[in-house]
């Protein structure tokens, strides 16, 4: 069962909550009765981060064949060529 604690209770029971997380339990943190966060076992956080990495990698793979531009080309496109620039320093 998931416990829910407000921030004051969490402060008073932090060591206990961390021990519970080590044992696989989740503790929800509330503020003014609203759920705002959680203390979770590290395995859950690791799984979430791994899933996020996989989703980002899938999205990146979708765009591998798209054309690329250099940073200089992007800056020129955004801001135009510097006025009066001949392209080289004299």
N, C-alpha and C. Protein backbone atom coordinates (compact mmCIF):
# COMPACT_ATOMS: atom_id res chain seq x y z
N UNK A 1 0.84 -1.18 0.00
CA UNK A 1 0.00 0.00 0.00
C UNK A 1 0.89 1.25 0.00
N UNK A 2 0.50 2.23 -0.76
CA UNK A 2 1.26 3.47 -0.84
C UNK A 2 0.80 4.43 0.25
N UNK A 3 1.77 4.91 1.04
CA UNK A 3 1.47 5.91 2.06
C UNK A 3 1.48 7.28 1.42
N UNK A 4 0.72 8.21 2.01
CA UNK A 4 0.77 9.60 1.58
C UNK A 4 1.06 10.44 2.81
N UNK A 5 2.07 11.31 2.70
CA UNK A 5 2.46 12.17 3.81
C UNK A 5 2.54 13.60 3.34
N UNK A 6 2.12 14.52 4.22
CA UNK A 6 2.37 15.92 3.87
C UNK A 6 3.83 16.23 4.20
N UNK A 7 4.27 17.38 3.80
CA UNK A 7 5.69 17.71 3.93
C UNK A 7 6.13 17.71 5.40
N UNK A 8 5.30 18.19 6.29
CA UNK A 8 5.66 18.19 7.71
C UNK A 8 5.85 16.76 8.21
N UNK A 9 4.93 15.86 7.85
CA UNK A 9 5.06 14.47 8.26
C UNK A 9 6.30 13.83 7.63
N UNK A 10 6.55 14.18 6.37
CA UNK A 10 7.72 13.63 5.68
C UNK A 10 9.00 14.02 6.40
N UNK A 11 9.11 15.29 6.79
CA UNK A 11 10.31 15.73 7.51
C UNK A 11 10.51 14.94 8.79
N UNK A 12 9.43 14.71 9.51
CA UNK A 12 9.51 14.01 10.79
C UNK A 12 9.84 12.53 10.62
N UNK A 13 9.49 11.97 9.45
CA UNK A 13 9.65 10.52 9.24
C UNK A 13 10.60 10.19 8.09
N UNK A 14 11.47 11.12 7.72
CA UNK A 14 12.29 10.93 6.54
C UNK A 14 13.10 9.64 6.58
N UNK A 15 13.77 9.36 7.67
CA UNK A 15 14.59 8.14 7.75
C UNK A 15 13.72 6.90 7.54
N UNK A 16 12.55 6.90 8.12
CA UNK A 16 11.62 5.77 7.96
C UNK A 16 11.16 5.64 6.51
N UNK A 17 10.87 6.77 5.88
CA UNK A 17 10.42 6.76 4.49
C UNK A 17 11.52 6.24 3.57
N UNK A 18 12.76 6.63 3.81
CA UNK A 18 13.88 6.14 3.01
C UNK A 18 14.03 4.63 3.21
N UNK A 19 13.91 4.15 4.43
CA UNK A 19 13.98 2.72 4.69
C UNK A 19 12.87 1.98 3.96
N UNK A 20 11.68 2.56 3.96
CA UNK A 20 10.56 1.95 3.23
C UNK A 20 10.85 1.90 1.73
N UNK A 21 11.44 2.97 1.19
CA UNK A 21 11.80 2.98 -0.23
C UNK A 21 12.81 1.88 -0.54
N UNK A 22 13.76 1.69 0.35
CA UNK A 22 14.74 0.61 0.17
C UNK A 22 14.05 -0.76 0.16
N UNK A 23 12.93 -0.86 0.87
CA UNK A 23 12.18 -2.11 0.94
C UNK A 23 11.17 -2.24 -0.20
N UNK A 24 11.15 -1.25 -1.10
CA UNK A 24 10.27 -1.34 -2.27
C UNK A 24 8.97 -0.58 -2.16
N UNK A 25 8.79 0.19 -1.11
CA UNK A 25 7.53 0.92 -0.93
C UNK A 25 7.63 2.33 -1.50
N UNK A 26 6.49 2.84 -1.94
CA UNK A 26 6.38 4.20 -2.47
C UNK A 26 5.65 5.06 -1.44
N UNK A 27 6.15 6.27 -1.23
CA UNK A 27 5.48 7.23 -0.36
C UNK A 27 5.17 8.47 -1.19
N UNK A 28 3.90 8.82 -1.23
CA UNK A 28 3.45 10.01 -1.95
C UNK A 28 3.58 11.22 -1.03
N UNK A 29 4.05 12.32 -1.58
CA UNK A 29 4.19 13.57 -0.82
C UNK A 29 3.05 14.50 -1.25
N UNK A 30 2.39 15.08 -0.25
CA UNK A 30 1.29 15.99 -0.55
C UNK A 30 1.57 17.38 0.00
N UNK A 31 0.96 18.36 -0.65
CA UNK A 31 1.00 19.74 -0.17
C UNK A 31 -0.42 20.28 -0.33
N UNK A 32 -0.98 20.73 0.78
CA UNK A 32 -2.36 21.23 0.79
C UNK A 32 -3.32 20.21 0.21
N UNK A 33 -3.05 18.93 0.52
CA UNK A 33 -3.92 17.85 0.08
C UNK A 33 -3.72 17.38 -1.35
N UNK A 34 -2.85 18.02 -2.10
CA UNK A 34 -2.58 17.65 -3.48
C UNK A 34 -1.29 16.84 -3.57
N UNK A 35 -1.29 15.82 -4.40
CA UNK A 35 -0.09 15.01 -4.62
C UNK A 35 0.92 15.84 -5.41
N UNK A 36 2.14 15.98 -4.89
CA UNK A 36 3.16 16.80 -5.55
C UNK A 36 4.45 16.05 -5.85
N UNK A 37 4.63 14.89 -5.29
CA UNK A 37 5.86 14.16 -5.52
C UNK A 37 5.78 12.80 -4.85
N UNK A 38 6.91 12.09 -4.90
CA UNK A 38 6.94 10.77 -4.29
C UNK A 38 8.37 10.38 -3.98
N UNK A 39 8.53 9.58 -2.96
CA UNK A 39 9.79 8.92 -2.67
C UNK A 39 9.59 7.49 -3.14
N UNK A 40 10.42 7.09 -4.11
CA UNK A 40 10.24 5.77 -4.72
C UNK A 40 11.52 4.96 -4.61
N UNK A 41 11.41 3.65 -4.69
CA UNK A 41 12.62 2.83 -4.73
C UNK A 41 13.45 3.22 -5.94
N UNK A 42 14.76 3.17 -5.81
CA UNK A 42 15.64 3.60 -6.89
C UNK A 42 15.42 2.76 -8.14
N UNK A 43 15.02 1.52 -8.00
CA UNK A 43 14.76 0.67 -9.17
C UNK A 43 13.65 1.25 -10.03
N UNK A 44 12.66 1.86 -9.41
CA UNK A 44 11.57 2.47 -10.17
C UNK A 44 12.09 3.69 -10.92
N UNK A 45 12.87 4.53 -10.27
CA UNK A 45 13.44 5.68 -10.95
C UNK A 45 14.33 5.24 -12.10
N UNK A 46 15.16 4.22 -11.87
CA UNK A 46 16.02 3.71 -12.93
C UNK A 46 15.20 3.23 -14.13
N UNK A 47 14.10 2.52 -13.87
CA UNK A 47 13.25 2.02 -14.95
C UNK A 47 12.61 3.17 -15.72
N UNK A 48 12.19 4.20 -15.02
CA UNK A 48 11.61 5.37 -15.69
C UNK A 48 12.64 6.05 -16.56
N UNK A 49 13.85 6.23 -16.03
CA UNK A 49 14.92 6.88 -16.80
C UNK A 49 15.31 6.04 -18.02
N UNK A 50 15.35 4.72 -17.86
CA UNK A 50 15.67 3.85 -18.99
C UNK A 50 14.60 3.95 -20.07
N UNK A 51 13.33 3.98 -19.66
CA UNK A 51 12.23 4.10 -20.62
C UNK A 51 12.29 5.44 -21.33
N UNK A 52 12.61 6.50 -20.59
CA UNK A 52 12.74 7.82 -21.20
C UNK A 52 13.88 7.84 -22.22
N UNK A 53 15.02 7.25 -21.86
CA UNK A 53 16.15 7.17 -22.79
C UNK A 53 15.76 6.42 -24.06
N UNK A 54 15.03 5.32 -23.91
CA UNK A 54 14.62 4.54 -25.08
C UNK A 54 13.67 5.34 -25.97
N UNK A 55 12.73 6.05 -25.37
CA UNK A 55 11.82 6.87 -26.17
C UNK A 55 12.56 7.97 -26.92
N UNK A 56 13.52 8.61 -26.26
CA UNK A 56 14.31 9.64 -26.92
C UNK A 56 15.16 9.06 -28.04
N UNK A 57 15.72 7.87 -27.83
CA UNK A 57 16.53 7.23 -28.86
C UNK A 57 15.66 6.87 -30.07
N UNK A 58 14.45 6.38 -29.82
CA UNK A 58 13.53 6.06 -30.93
C UNK A 58 13.21 7.32 -31.73
N UNK A 59 12.95 8.39 -31.03
CA UNK A 59 12.63 9.66 -31.72
C UNK A 59 13.83 10.14 -32.53
N UNK A 60 15.02 10.02 -31.98
CA UNK A 60 16.23 10.44 -32.69
C UNK A 60 16.44 9.59 -33.94
N UNK A 61 16.20 8.27 -33.83
CA UNK A 61 16.38 7.39 -34.98
C UNK A 61 15.43 7.76 -36.12
N UNK A 62 14.26 8.28 -35.81
CA UNK A 62 13.31 8.71 -36.84
C UNK A 62 13.88 9.83 -37.70
N UNK A 63 14.79 10.60 -37.16
CA UNK A 63 15.29 11.79 -37.84
C UNK A 63 16.71 11.64 -38.40
N UNK A 64 17.27 10.44 -38.36
CA UNK A 64 18.64 10.24 -38.80
C UNK A 64 18.86 10.59 -40.27
N UNK A 65 17.87 10.36 -41.11
CA UNK A 65 18.04 10.61 -42.55
C UNK A 65 17.67 12.03 -42.97
N UNK A 66 17.29 12.86 -42.02
CA UNK A 66 16.93 14.23 -42.36
C UNK A 66 18.18 15.05 -42.63
N UNK A 67 18.07 16.05 -43.52
CA UNK A 67 19.23 16.89 -43.81
C UNK A 67 19.64 17.68 -42.56
N UNK A 68 20.92 17.98 -42.49
CA UNK A 68 21.44 18.76 -41.36
C UNK A 68 22.07 20.04 -41.88
N UNK A 69 22.15 21.03 -41.02
CA UNK A 69 22.84 22.28 -41.36
C UNK A 69 23.85 22.58 -40.27
N UNK A 70 24.83 23.38 -40.61
CA UNK A 70 25.84 23.75 -39.63
C UNK A 70 25.30 24.86 -38.74
N UNK A 71 25.96 25.09 -37.64
CA UNK A 71 25.58 26.18 -36.74
C UNK A 71 25.70 27.52 -37.46
N UNK A 72 26.74 27.68 -38.28
CA UNK A 72 26.91 28.93 -39.03
C UNK A 72 25.73 29.16 -39.96
N UNK A 73 25.28 28.11 -40.64
CA UNK A 73 24.13 28.24 -41.54
C UNK A 73 22.87 28.61 -40.76
N UNK A 74 22.70 28.01 -39.61
CA UNK A 74 21.55 28.31 -38.77
C UNK A 74 21.56 29.77 -38.34
N UNK A 75 22.72 30.25 -37.90
CA UNK A 75 22.82 31.64 -37.44
C UNK A 75 22.56 32.61 -38.57
N UNK A 76 23.08 32.33 -39.75
CA UNK A 76 22.81 33.19 -40.91
C UNK A 76 21.33 33.17 -41.23
N UNK A 77 20.72 32.01 -41.16
CA UNK A 77 19.29 31.89 -41.44
C UNK A 77 18.47 32.68 -40.42
N UNK A 78 18.89 32.64 -39.17
CA UNK A 78 18.14 33.34 -38.12
C UNK A 78 18.38 34.85 -38.14
N UNK A 79 19.64 35.25 -38.32
CA UNK A 79 20.00 36.65 -38.15
C UNK A 79 20.47 37.33 -39.42
N UNK A 80 20.66 36.60 -40.49
CA UNK A 80 21.17 37.17 -41.71
C UNK A 80 22.68 37.37 -41.64
N UNK A 81 23.27 37.67 -42.77
CA UNK A 81 24.70 37.92 -42.80
C UNK A 81 25.00 39.23 -42.13
N UNK A 82 26.12 39.33 -41.42
CA UNK A 82 26.49 40.62 -40.81
C UNK A 82 26.65 41.68 -41.90
N UNK A 83 26.07 42.86 -41.68
CA UNK A 83 26.16 43.93 -42.68
C UNK A 83 27.60 44.40 -42.83
N UNK A 84 27.98 44.61 -44.07
CA UNK A 84 29.32 45.12 -44.34
C UNK A 84 30.40 44.06 -44.20
N UNK A 85 30.02 42.83 -44.00
CA UNK A 85 31.03 41.78 -43.83
C UNK A 85 31.43 41.26 -45.20
N UNK A 86 32.72 41.18 -45.42
CA UNK A 86 33.24 40.66 -46.67
C UNK A 86 33.56 39.19 -46.54
N UNK A 87 33.33 38.63 -45.35
CA UNK A 87 33.58 37.22 -45.15
C UNK A 87 34.95 36.91 -44.61
N UNK A 88 35.86 37.88 -44.63
CA UNK A 88 37.20 37.62 -44.06
C UNK A 88 37.71 38.88 -43.41
N UNK A 89 38.56 38.74 -42.44
CA UNK A 89 39.15 39.89 -41.76
C UNK A 89 40.31 40.42 -42.57
N UNK A 90 40.43 41.73 -42.64
CA UNK A 90 41.53 42.32 -43.41
C UNK A 90 42.55 42.93 -42.49
